[in-house]
Amino acid sequence: MNLGLLTDRERQVLLLLGRGMNNRDLAKALRIAERTVKAHTARVLGKLRLPSRMEAVEEARRPAP
């Protein structure tokens, strides 16, 4: 997984996804709109070529090499 493709905010979203947070909780934690969380999540999935949010969670939980 090439995290260098992600912005700082997208990395934050990925980290919180890995902690099992839903969109509402992510929005509150980052003080952004839920719609913005959805946009960041979609960009993370696209940049990392992941098919689903669940795959993103698994990648976020995977130990770094």
N, C-alpha and C. Protein backbone atom coordinates (compact mmCIF):
# COMPACT_ATOMS: atom_id res chain seq x y z
N MET A 1 0.86 -1.18 0.00
CA MET A 1 0.00 0.00 0.00
C MET A 1 0.90 1.24 0.00
N ASN A 2 0.67 2.12 -0.93
CA ASN A 2 1.49 3.33 -1.07
C ASN A 2 0.78 4.52 -0.44
N LEU A 3 1.05 4.74 0.84
CA LEU A 3 0.40 5.85 1.55
C LEU A 3 0.89 7.20 1.05
N GLY A 4 1.99 7.23 0.33
CA GLY A 4 2.50 8.47 -0.22
C GLY A 4 1.55 9.11 -1.22
N LEU A 5 0.62 8.33 -1.74
CA LEU A 5 -0.37 8.86 -2.67
C LEU A 5 -1.44 9.68 -1.96
N LEU A 6 -1.56 9.50 -0.65
CA LEU A 6 -2.64 10.13 0.11
C LEU A 6 -2.23 11.46 0.70
N THR A 7 -3.20 12.36 0.82
CA THR A 7 -2.97 13.62 1.54
C THR A 7 -2.94 13.32 3.04
N ASP A 8 -2.50 14.28 3.81
CA ASP A 8 -2.50 14.10 5.27
C ASP A 8 -3.90 13.77 5.78
N ARG A 9 -4.90 14.48 5.28
CA ARG A 9 -6.27 14.26 5.74
C ARG A 9 -6.76 12.86 5.34
N GLU A 10 -6.42 12.44 4.14
CA GLU A 10 -6.82 11.10 3.70
C GLU A 10 -6.17 10.03 4.56
N ARG A 11 -4.92 10.25 4.97
CA ARG A 11 -4.25 9.30 5.88
C ARG A 11 -4.95 9.28 7.23
N GLN A 12 -5.38 10.45 7.71
CA GLN A 12 -6.12 10.50 8.97
C GLN A 12 -7.42 9.70 8.87
N VAL A 13 -8.12 9.89 7.77
CA VAL A 13 -9.37 9.16 7.57
C VAL A 13 -9.11 7.66 7.54
N LEU A 14 -8.07 7.24 6.83
CA LEU A 14 -7.74 5.81 6.76
C LEU A 14 -7.41 5.26 8.14
N LEU A 15 -6.66 6.00 8.92
CA LEU A 15 -6.32 5.57 10.28
C LEU A 15 -7.58 5.37 11.12
N LEU A 16 -8.48 6.33 11.05
CA LEU A 16 -9.71 6.24 11.84
C LEU A 16 -10.64 5.15 11.31
N LEU A 17 -10.62 4.93 10.02
CA LEU A 17 -11.38 3.79 9.47
C LEU A 17 -10.85 2.49 10.07
N GLY A 18 -9.55 2.40 10.18
CA GLY A 18 -8.92 1.22 10.76
C GLY A 18 -9.30 0.99 12.21
N ARG A 19 -9.71 2.04 12.87
CA ARG A 19 -10.16 1.91 14.26
C ARG A 19 -11.64 1.56 14.34
N GLY A 20 -12.25 1.40 13.17
CA GLY A 20 -13.64 0.97 13.14
C GLY A 20 -14.67 2.09 13.27
N MET A 21 -14.25 3.32 13.05
CA MET A 21 -15.18 4.44 13.19
C MET A 21 -16.11 4.53 11.98
N ASN A 22 -17.35 4.90 12.24
CA ASN A 22 -18.30 5.12 11.14
C ASN A 22 -18.17 6.57 10.66
N ASN A 23 -18.87 6.90 9.59
CA ASN A 23 -18.76 8.24 9.00
C ASN A 23 -19.12 9.34 9.98
N ARG A 24 -20.16 9.14 10.75
CA ARG A 24 -20.58 10.17 11.71
C ARG A 24 -19.50 10.42 12.76
N ASP A 25 -18.94 9.34 13.29
CA ASP A 25 -17.89 9.48 14.30
C ASP A 25 -16.62 10.10 13.71
N LEU A 26 -16.31 9.70 12.48
CA LEU A 26 -15.16 10.29 11.80
C LEU A 26 -15.35 11.79 11.63
N ALA A 27 -16.52 12.18 11.20
CA ALA A 27 -16.82 13.60 10.99
C ALA A 27 -16.66 14.39 12.29
N LYS A 28 -17.17 13.84 13.38
CA LYS A 28 -17.04 14.52 14.67
C LYS A 28 -15.59 14.61 15.10
N ALA A 29 -14.84 13.52 14.94
CA ALA A 29 -13.44 13.49 15.37
C ALA A 29 -12.59 14.48 14.58
N LEU A 30 -12.89 14.61 13.29
CA LEU A 30 -12.09 15.49 12.43
C LEU A 30 -12.70 16.88 12.27
N ARG A 31 -13.88 17.06 12.85
CA ARG A 31 -14.60 18.34 12.78
C ARG A 31 -14.86 18.77 11.34
N ILE A 32 -15.37 17.82 10.57
CA ILE A 32 -15.74 18.07 9.18
C ILE A 32 -17.12 17.48 8.94
N ALA A 33 -17.71 17.81 7.82
CA ALA A 33 -19.03 17.30 7.49
C ALA A 33 -18.95 15.81 7.11
N GLU A 34 -20.03 15.10 7.38
CA GLU A 34 -20.10 13.69 7.03
C GLU A 34 -19.91 13.48 5.52
N ARG A 35 -20.44 14.40 4.74
CA ARG A 35 -20.28 14.32 3.29
C ARG A 35 -18.81 14.42 2.89
N THR A 36 -18.05 15.23 3.62
CA THR A 36 -16.62 15.36 3.36
C THR A 36 -15.89 14.06 3.71
N VAL A 37 -16.30 13.41 4.78
CA VAL A 37 -15.72 12.11 5.14
C VAL A 37 -15.94 11.12 4.00
N LYS A 38 -17.15 11.11 3.46
CA LYS A 38 -17.45 10.20 2.35
C LYS A 38 -16.57 10.49 1.14
N ALA A 39 -16.33 11.77 0.88
CA ALA A 39 -15.48 12.14 -0.25
C ALA A 39 -14.03 11.69 -0.01
N HIS A 40 -13.52 11.91 1.19
CA HIS A 40 -12.16 11.47 1.52
C HIS A 40 -12.04 9.95 1.40
N THR A 41 -13.04 9.25 1.91
CA THR A 41 -13.03 7.79 1.85
C THR A 41 -13.02 7.30 0.41
N ALA A 42 -13.82 7.92 -0.42
CA ALA A 42 -13.86 7.54 -1.84
C ALA A 42 -12.51 7.78 -2.50
N ARG A 43 -11.85 8.89 -2.16
CA ARG A 43 -10.54 9.18 -2.75
C ARG A 43 -9.49 8.19 -2.26
N VAL A 44 -9.56 7.82 -0.98
CA VAL A 44 -8.63 6.81 -0.44
C VAL A 44 -8.80 5.50 -1.21
N LEU A 45 -10.03 5.07 -1.37
CA LEU A 45 -10.30 3.82 -2.09
C LEU A 45 -9.76 3.89 -3.52
N GLY A 46 -9.99 5.00 -4.18
CA GLY A 46 -9.53 5.16 -5.56
C GLY A 46 -8.02 5.18 -5.67
N LYS A 47 -7.37 5.97 -4.83
CA LYS A 47 -5.92 6.10 -4.91
C LYS A 47 -5.20 4.80 -4.57
N LEU A 48 -5.76 4.05 -3.62
CA LEU A 48 -5.13 2.80 -3.20
C LEU A 48 -5.67 1.59 -3.97
N ARG A 49 -6.59 1.88 -4.90
CA ARG A 49 -7.20 0.83 -5.73
C ARG A 49 -7.81 -0.28 -4.89
N LEU A 50 -8.57 0.14 -3.89
CA LEU A 50 -9.26 -0.81 -3.02
C LEU A 50 -10.72 -0.87 -3.42
N PRO A 51 -11.30 -2.06 -3.45
CA PRO A 51 -12.67 -2.21 -3.92
C PRO A 51 -13.75 -1.80 -2.91
N SER A 52 -13.38 -1.76 -1.63
CA SER A 52 -14.41 -1.49 -0.63
C SER A 52 -13.82 -0.84 0.62
N ARG A 53 -14.70 -0.28 1.41
CA ARG A 53 -14.32 0.31 2.69
C ARG A 53 -13.71 -0.76 3.60
N MET A 54 -14.27 -1.97 3.54
CA MET A 54 -13.77 -3.06 4.37
C MET A 54 -12.31 -3.38 4.03
N GLU A 55 -11.97 -3.34 2.75
CA GLU A 55 -10.59 -3.56 2.34
C GLU A 55 -9.69 -2.46 2.89
N ALA A 56 -10.19 -1.23 2.91
CA ALA A 56 -9.42 -0.12 3.47
C ALA A 56 -9.17 -0.33 4.95
N VAL A 57 -10.18 -0.81 5.67
CA VAL A 57 -10.03 -1.10 7.10
C VAL A 57 -8.95 -2.16 7.30
N GLU A 58 -8.99 -3.21 6.50
CA GLU A 58 -8.00 -4.28 6.61
C GLU A 58 -6.59 -3.75 6.33
N GLU A 59 -6.46 -2.92 5.31
CA GLU A 59 -5.16 -2.34 4.98
C GLU A 59 -4.67 -1.43 6.09
N ALA A 60 -5.57 -0.66 6.67
CA ALA A 60 -5.18 0.26 7.76
C ALA A 60 -4.71 -0.51 8.98
N ARG A 61 -5.25 -1.68 9.20
CA ARG A 61 -4.88 -2.49 10.37
C ARG A 61 -3.64 -3.34 10.15
N ARG A 62 -3.23 -3.46 8.90
CA ARG A 62 -2.06 -4.28 8.57
C ARG A 62 -0.80 -3.58 9.07
N PRO A 63 0.10 -4.33 9.72
CA PRO A 63 1.35 -3.71 10.22
C PRO A 63 2.21 -3.21 9.05
N ALA A 64 2.89 -2.12 9.29
CA ALA A 64 3.78 -1.55 8.27
C ALA A 64 4.98 -2.47 8.09
N PRO A 65 5.49 -2.59 6.86
CA PRO A 65 6.64 -3.48 6.62
C PRO A 65 7.91 -2.96 7.25
